[in-house]
Amino acid sequence: MREDLLNTARLRRRALLSGLGAVALPALGGGARAQGQGQGYPNRTVTIIVPFAPGGSTDFVARLLAQHLSTALGGNFVVDNRAGGSGTVGHGAVARARPDGYTLGVSPTGTFALAPFLFDRLPYDSENGFAPISLLAGNAMFVCVHASGSIRTYADLIAAAKAQPGKLTYASAGAGTIAQLAPELMLDMSGTQMLHVAYRSGGLQVQAVIAKETTMGFIDTVTAIPHIQSGDLRALAVTSVGRSPQMPDVPTLAECGLTGYRATNDFGFFAPAGTPPAIVSQLSEAARKILAMPEVKARLDAASIDIYAGTSEAFAPYQAEEARRWGELIRRRGIKME
């Protein structure tokens, strides 16, 4: 029974991601690299801006990518963490950088898809300020509570929320992040109310749940799994379409009764608008090849991160769909930046 369930989950994930542009990967010695080499790229340090503090899932994916890009392209790729403004500070720095391929960015869904609906004004053009390179990967979140508490199942959580409307609290990794919007989607679909408590990072978010400062939190898989395995946290559900292979006993929210529920934190790879197409193509090809490497796949699998390895051409329709569904939720719930 469990094996059948896992196989079904994997098929659902494949179906969901099939439109994101995953492709068979050519060798890096192909035409895109040759064009890039004609420009001498890269011949100095390339900075990859992560718009959040070190330690979260975005940082994890970016550092893994930077490490292997340095080897694959024969350059020096370094990560620069620039936190602030729910990711808009660092994301904006990418948009304003010289479009020469030496400043890039890895940003999550909350920054590139949600922020345009949460801020009255952004210090960059969210639609035209970037050259998308690839939708790299994405991970789900676990609905987590303290392991010693009386809430042991998703049904317990909803019953407690309905018994005490607006009294229970949930921690997020920051206002406007997917860690806020994913619980709001659950509350919207279940007809319940909870109070949002925003923290400055995923690390502080998880500590708040462990310390019982908040009732629960939607915590990304990279951060949550070690604490679930240690017994500090209890996972009530997972936000993905299918169950996590690392935690196959944890049901999805859809299985818990929220039919159609899906919320994942996806990681996009960006360059500033106007970056030469040859460089964008070279980086996209390299990223897809890196994500196909067994050692990289093993590390991402261990953190329950799904590999997308999308093309730059597939980015626009993906962003449009994410913007549509999250924008509708933000308007319906009246969510504003705090």
Protein backbone atom coordinates (compact mmCIF):
# COMPACT_ATOMS: atom_id res chain seq x y z
CA MET A 1 0.00 0.00 0.00
CA ARG A 2 2.75 2.47 0.95
CA GLU A 3 4.75 1.65 -2.19
CA ASP A 4 1.65 2.23 -4.34
CA LEU A 5 1.13 5.59 -2.64
CA LEU A 6 4.73 6.65 -3.22
CA ASN A 7 4.56 5.63 -6.88
CA THR A 8 1.36 7.65 -7.31
CA ALA A 9 2.99 10.66 -5.65
CA ARG A 10 5.98 10.46 -7.95
CA LEU A 11 3.73 10.26 -11.02
CA ARG A 12 1.79 13.30 -9.83
CA ARG A 13 4.98 15.29 -9.35
CA ARG A 14 6.21 14.33 -12.80
CA ALA A 15 2.89 15.40 -14.33
CA LEU A 16 2.98 18.71 -12.48
CA LEU A 17 6.53 19.48 -13.57
CA SER A 18 6.27 18.25 -17.13
CA GLY A 19 5.46 21.71 -18.43
CA LEU A 20 8.43 23.34 -16.77
CA GLY A 21 10.88 22.55 -19.50
CA ALA A 22 12.98 19.67 -18.18
CA VAL A 23 15.13 18.46 -21.04
CA ALA A 24 17.80 15.96 -21.91
CA LEU A 25 21.13 17.67 -21.40
CA PRO A 26 23.85 18.06 -24.01
CA ALA A 27 27.50 18.08 -23.08
CA LEU A 28 28.90 21.38 -21.87
CA GLY A 29 31.28 21.45 -24.79
CA GLY A 30 28.41 22.36 -27.18
CA GLY A 31 27.64 25.52 -29.07
CA ALA A 32 26.43 27.61 -26.11
CA ARG A 33 29.70 27.17 -24.28
CA ALA A 34 31.70 27.87 -27.38
CA GLN A 35 29.85 31.16 -27.82
CA GLY A 36 30.46 32.06 -24.19
CA GLN A 37 34.14 31.21 -24.47
CA GLY A 38 34.36 33.51 -27.46
CA GLN A 39 33.45 36.29 -25.07
CA GLY A 40 35.96 35.03 -22.49
CA TYR A 41 33.19 34.27 -19.99
CA PRO A 42 33.79 33.90 -17.13
CA ASN A 43 37.19 35.55 -16.69
CA ARG A 44 36.59 36.97 -13.21
CA THR A 45 34.50 36.21 -10.14
CA VAL A 46 30.76 35.76 -10.69
CA THR A 47 28.50 36.73 -7.79
CA ILE A 48 25.23 34.87 -7.19
CA ILE A 49 22.99 36.97 -4.95
CA VAL A 50 20.70 35.13 -2.54
CA PRO A 51 18.11 37.55 -1.13
CA PHE A 52 17.93 35.86 2.30
CA ALA A 53 20.25 35.08 5.18
CA PRO A 54 22.46 31.96 5.04
CA GLY A 55 21.03 28.65 6.12
CA GLY A 56 17.69 28.40 4.33
CA SER A 57 16.68 26.34 1.33
CA THR A 58 17.37 29.12 -1.22
CA ASP A 59 20.89 29.48 0.14
CA PHE A 60 21.36 25.69 0.09
CA VAL A 61 20.41 25.41 -3.59
CA ALA A 62 22.44 28.48 -4.61
CA ARG A 63 25.61 27.29 -2.89
CA LEU A 64 25.33 23.85 -4.42
CA LEU A 65 24.88 25.44 -7.84
CA ALA A 66 27.77 27.88 -7.34
CA GLN A 67 30.12 25.11 -6.29
CA HIS A 68 29.50 23.10 -9.44
CA LEU A 69 29.35 26.08 -11.79
CA SER A 70 32.87 26.96 -10.66
CA THR A 71 34.04 23.55 -11.80
CA ALA A 72 31.89 23.25 -14.93
CA LEU A 73 32.68 26.69 -16.37
CA GLY A 74 36.21 27.08 -15.04
CA GLY A 75 35.44 30.25 -13.12
CA ASN A 76 34.88 31.40 -9.55
CA PHE A 77 31.18 31.58 -8.56
CA VAL A 78 30.47 32.92 -5.06
CA VAL A 79 27.26 33.43 -3.09
CA ASP A 80 26.43 36.84 -1.63
CA ASN A 81 23.56 36.88 0.91
CA ARG A 82 21.63 40.17 0.83
CA ALA A 83 18.60 39.80 3.08
CA GLY A 84 15.79 42.29 3.47
CA GLY A 85 12.35 43.26 2.19
CA SER A 86 11.11 39.67 1.83
CA GLY A 87 13.85 39.10 -0.72
CA THR A 88 13.23 42.27 -2.73
CA VAL A 89 16.50 43.93 -1.62
CA GLY A 90 18.71 41.21 -3.07
CA HIS A 91 16.45 40.54 -6.06
CA GLY A 92 16.51 44.24 -6.87
CA ALA A 93 20.31 44.26 -6.72
CA VAL A 94 20.31 41.66 -9.51
CA ALA A 95 17.97 43.77 -11.64
CA ARG A 96 20.18 46.85 -11.24
CA ALA A 97 23.48 45.07 -11.89
CA ARG A 98 25.48 45.46 -15.09
CA PRO A 99 24.05 42.88 -17.55
CA ASP A 100 27.37 41.19 -18.26
CA GLY A 101 26.85 37.81 -16.56
CA TYR A 102 28.94 38.62 -13.51
CA THR A 103 26.02 39.31 -11.16
CA LEU A 104 23.32 36.65 -11.05
CA GLY A 105 20.63 35.69 -8.55
CA VAL A 106 18.77 32.72 -7.13
CA SER A 107 15.40 33.75 -5.71
CA PRO A 108 12.41 31.78 -4.39
CA THR A 109 8.73 31.92 -5.30
CA GLY A 110 7.95 34.42 -2.56
CA THR A 111 10.30 36.94 -4.11
CA PHE A 112 9.76 36.57 -7.84
CA ALA A 113 6.05 35.60 -7.87
CA LEU A 114 4.46 36.96 -4.67
CA ALA A 115 6.22 40.25 -3.97
CA PRO A 116 4.61 42.12 -6.91
CA PHE A 117 1.21 41.61 -5.25
CA LEU A 118 2.34 42.40 -1.71
CA PHE A 119 4.22 45.66 -2.22
CA ASP A 120 2.64 48.84 -3.54
CA ARG A 121 5.93 49.65 -5.22
CA LEU A 122 9.05 47.64 -5.94
CA PRO A 123 12.53 49.12 -6.58
CA TYR A 124 12.73 47.20 -9.87
CA ASP A 125 10.58 46.06 -12.77
CA SER A 126 9.45 42.57 -11.77
CA GLU A 127 8.26 41.71 -15.29
CA ASN A 128 11.00 43.21 -17.45
CA GLY A 129 14.00 43.61 -15.15
CA PHE A 130 15.37 40.08 -15.46
CA ALA A 131 16.64 37.56 -17.96
CA PRO A 132 15.41 34.19 -16.66
CA ILE A 133 18.03 31.45 -16.84
CA SER A 134 16.29 28.40 -15.37
CA LEU A 135 13.71 27.24 -12.89
CA LEU A 136 16.14 25.09 -10.93
CA ALA A 137 14.25 23.11 -8.31
CA GLY A 138 11.61 23.37 -5.63
CA ASN A 139 10.73 22.02 -2.25
CA ALA A 140 7.63 21.58 -0.20
CA MET A 141 7.01 22.53 3.41
CA PHE A 142 6.00 20.42 6.36
CA VAL A 143 3.18 21.60 8.61
CA CYS A 144 5.10 21.40 11.88
CA VAL A 145 4.19 21.63 15.56
CA HIS A 146 6.21 20.96 18.69
CA ALA A 147 6.63 17.21 19.14
CA SER A 148 5.48 17.24 22.78
CA GLY A 149 2.23 19.14 22.22
CA SER A 150 -1.34 17.85 22.20
CA ILE A 151 -1.78 18.51 18.47
CA ARG A 152 -0.82 15.25 16.83
CA THR A 153 -2.64 15.36 13.48
CA TYR A 154 -3.84 17.89 10.93
CA ALA A 155 -7.40 17.21 12.13
CA ASP A 156 -6.30 18.15 15.67
CA LEU A 157 -4.83 21.41 14.36
CA ILE A 158 -7.99 22.43 12.51
CA ALA A 159 -10.21 21.44 15.44
CA ALA A 160 -8.11 23.60 17.79
CA ALA A 161 -8.18 26.52 15.33
CA LYS A 162 -11.97 26.34 15.00
CA ALA A 163 -12.39 26.11 18.77
CA GLN A 164 -10.22 29.21 19.28
CA PRO A 165 -10.62 31.45 16.21
CA GLY A 166 -7.64 33.74 15.81
CA LYS A 167 -5.92 32.50 18.97
CA LEU A 168 -3.51 29.97 17.48
CA THR A 169 -0.37 31.35 15.85
CA TYR A 170 1.83 30.33 12.96
CA ALA A 171 5.44 31.34 12.38
CA SER A 172 6.80 32.33 8.99
CA ALA A 173 10.29 32.97 7.65
CA GLY A 174 9.23 36.55 6.90
CA ALA A 175 6.22 38.57 5.85
CA GLY A 176 5.41 37.97 2.21
CA THR A 177 7.34 34.71 1.93
CA ILE A 178 5.82 31.43 0.82
CA ALA A 179 6.04 30.41 4.49
CA GLN A 180 3.28 32.98 5.12
CA LEU A 181 1.25 32.44 1.97
CA ALA A 182 1.14 28.63 2.18
CA PRO A 183 -0.54 28.67 5.64
CA GLU A 184 -2.89 31.40 4.41
CA LEU A 185 -3.94 29.10 1.57
CA MET A 186 -4.63 26.34 4.11
CA LEU A 187 -6.66 28.72 6.31
CA ASP A 188 -8.58 29.97 3.27
CA MET A 189 -9.47 26.47 2.13
CA SER A 190 -10.32 25.19 5.63
CA GLY A 191 -12.29 28.23 6.81
CA THR A 192 -10.11 28.79 9.88
CA GLN A 193 -8.21 31.70 11.40
CA MET A 194 -4.74 31.93 12.93
CA LEU A 195 -2.46 34.82 13.81
CA HIS A 196 0.66 35.30 11.68
CA VAL A 197 4.00 35.89 13.45
CA ALA A 198 6.80 36.87 11.06
CA TYR A 199 10.45 36.08 11.78
CA ARG A 200 13.49 37.23 9.86
CA SER A 201 14.65 33.84 8.56
CA GLY A 202 13.79 30.18 8.26
CA GLY A 203 16.20 29.41 11.10
CA LEU A 204 14.39 31.76 13.48
CA GLN A 205 11.05 30.42 12.29
CA VAL A 206 11.89 26.85 13.20
CA GLN A 207 13.32 27.89 16.57
CA ALA A 208 10.06 29.68 17.34
CA VAL A 209 8.09 26.47 16.85
CA ILE A 210 10.61 24.41 18.83
CA ALA A 211 10.51 26.98 21.67
CA LYS A 212 6.67 26.96 21.57
CA GLU A 213 6.56 30.66 20.80
CA THR A 214 4.05 29.80 18.09
CA THR A 215 1.59 26.96 17.59
CA MET A 216 2.93 25.83 14.26
CA GLY A 217 4.80 26.76 11.11
CA PHE A 218 5.08 25.68 7.49
CA ILE A 219 8.81 24.87 7.46
CA ASP A 220 10.72 24.03 4.31
CA THR A 221 12.01 20.50 3.97
CA VAL A 222 15.70 21.44 4.13
CA THR A 223 15.20 23.06 7.53
CA ALA A 224 12.52 20.78 8.93
CA ILE A 225 13.75 17.24 8.25
CA PRO A 226 16.64 17.22 10.77
CA HIS A 227 14.37 18.55 13.52
CA ILE A 228 11.64 16.04 12.69
CA GLN A 229 14.18 13.22 12.76
CA SER A 230 15.61 14.45 16.09
CA GLY A 231 12.17 14.48 17.69
CA ASP A 232 11.95 18.25 18.24
CA LEU A 233 9.16 18.73 15.71
CA ARG A 234 6.16 16.73 14.59
CA ALA A 235 5.11 16.89 10.93
CA LEU A 236 1.34 16.87 10.48
CA ALA A 237 1.26 17.14 6.69
CA VAL A 238 3.30 18.15 3.65
CA THR A 239 2.35 20.84 1.14
CA SER A 240 3.40 19.09 -2.07
CA VAL A 241 1.18 17.17 -4.49
CA GLY A 242 2.79 13.87 -3.44
CA ARG A 243 4.31 12.63 -0.21
CA SER A 244 7.96 13.27 0.60
CA PRO A 245 10.14 10.21 -0.11
CA GLN A 246 12.13 11.11 3.03
CA MET A 247 8.98 11.19 5.19
CA PRO A 248 6.54 8.79 3.46
CA ASP A 249 4.31 8.45 6.53
CA VAL A 250 3.43 12.16 6.49
CA PRO A 251 0.23 12.76 4.44
CA THR A 252 -0.24 15.59 1.99
CA LEU A 253 -2.67 18.38 2.83
CA ALA A 254 -4.75 17.21 -0.13
CA GLU A 255 -5.00 13.79 1.51
CA CYS A 256 -6.04 15.50 4.72
CA GLY A 257 -9.09 16.96 3.00
CA LEU A 258 -7.83 20.08 1.19
CA THR A 259 -8.44 18.79 -2.33
CA GLY A 260 -6.15 20.45 -4.86
CA TYR A 261 -3.87 22.04 -2.28
CA ARG A 262 -0.32 22.67 -3.52
CA ALA A 263 2.34 25.05 -2.27
CA THR A 264 6.01 24.71 -3.07
CA ASN A 265 8.99 26.99 -2.65
CA ASP A 266 10.60 27.05 -6.08
CA PHE A 267 14.02 28.47 -6.94
CA GLY A 268 14.61 30.58 -10.03
CA PHE A 269 18.00 31.42 -11.52
CA PHE A 270 18.16 34.97 -12.93
CA ALA A 271 20.43 37.43 -14.70
CA PRO A 272 19.76 41.14 -15.23
CA ALA A 273 17.71 42.02 -18.31
CA GLY A 274 19.99 42.66 -21.26
CA THR A 275 22.52 39.96 -20.39
CA PRO A 276 23.91 38.55 -23.67
CA PRO A 277 21.82 35.57 -24.84
CA ALA A 278 24.99 33.50 -25.33
CA ILE A 279 25.82 33.86 -21.61
CA VAL A 280 22.24 33.11 -20.55
CA SER A 281 22.27 30.02 -22.76
CA GLN A 282 25.63 28.90 -21.40
CA LEU A 283 24.46 29.26 -17.79
CA SER A 284 21.14 27.55 -18.47
CA GLU A 285 22.83 24.61 -20.16
CA ALA A 286 25.38 24.32 -17.34
CA ALA A 287 22.70 24.48 -14.63
CA ARG A 288 20.66 21.74 -16.27
CA LYS A 289 23.71 19.51 -16.62
CA ILE A 290 24.71 20.13 -13.01
CA LEU A 291 21.23 19.22 -11.76
CA ALA A 292 21.50 15.93 -13.66
CA MET A 293 24.72 14.94 -11.87
CA PRO A 294 24.19 11.95 -9.52
CA GLU A 295 25.99 13.59 -6.60
CA VAL A 296 23.91 16.76 -6.92
CA LYS A 297 20.68 14.81 -7.28
CA ALA A 298 21.58 12.78 -4.18
CA ARG A 299 22.05 15.92 -2.08
CA LEU A 300 18.80 17.44 -3.29
CA ASP A 301 16.92 14.17 -2.81
CA ALA A 302 18.20 13.97 0.78
CA ALA A 303 16.63 17.39 1.43
CA SER A 304 13.39 16.37 -0.36
CA ILE A 305 13.97 18.94 -3.11
CA ASP A 306 12.52 18.19 -6.54
CA ILE A 307 14.70 18.95 -9.56
CA TYR A 308 13.00 20.90 -12.37
CA ALA A 309 15.96 21.94 -14.57
CA GLY A 310 13.72 24.13 -16.70
CA THR A 311 14.69 26.11 -19.77
CA SER A 312 14.64 29.89 -19.87
CA GLU A 313 11.76 29.73 -22.36
CA ALA A 314 9.57 27.78 -19.91
CA PHE A 315 9.99 30.37 -17.17
CA ALA A 316 7.45 32.94 -18.42
CA PRO A 317 4.36 30.67 -18.48
CA TYR A 318 5.32 29.22 -15.11
CA GLN A 319 5.59 32.68 -13.54
CA ALA A 320 2.27 33.72 -15.08
CA GLU A 321 0.45 30.77 -13.54
CA GLU A 322 2.05 31.23 -10.12
CA ALA A 323 1.24 34.94 -10.23
CA ARG A 324 -2.38 34.20 -11.11
CA ARG A 325 -3.14 31.77 -8.32
CA TRP A 326 -1.17 33.48 -5.55
CA GLY A 327 -2.31 36.93 -6.62
CA GLU A 328 -5.92 35.81 -6.31
CA LEU A 329 -5.27 34.50 -2.79
CA ILE A 330 -3.48 37.70 -1.71
CA ARG A 331 -6.39 39.83 -2.93
CA ARG A 332 -9.03 37.53 -1.43
CA ARG A 333 -7.32 37.41 1.97
CA GLY A 334 -6.41 41.10 1.96
CA ILE A 335 -2.77 40.26 2.75
CA LYS A 336 -0.47 43.26 3.06
CA MET A 337 3.13 43.67 4.06
CA GLU A 338 3.42 44.30 7.78
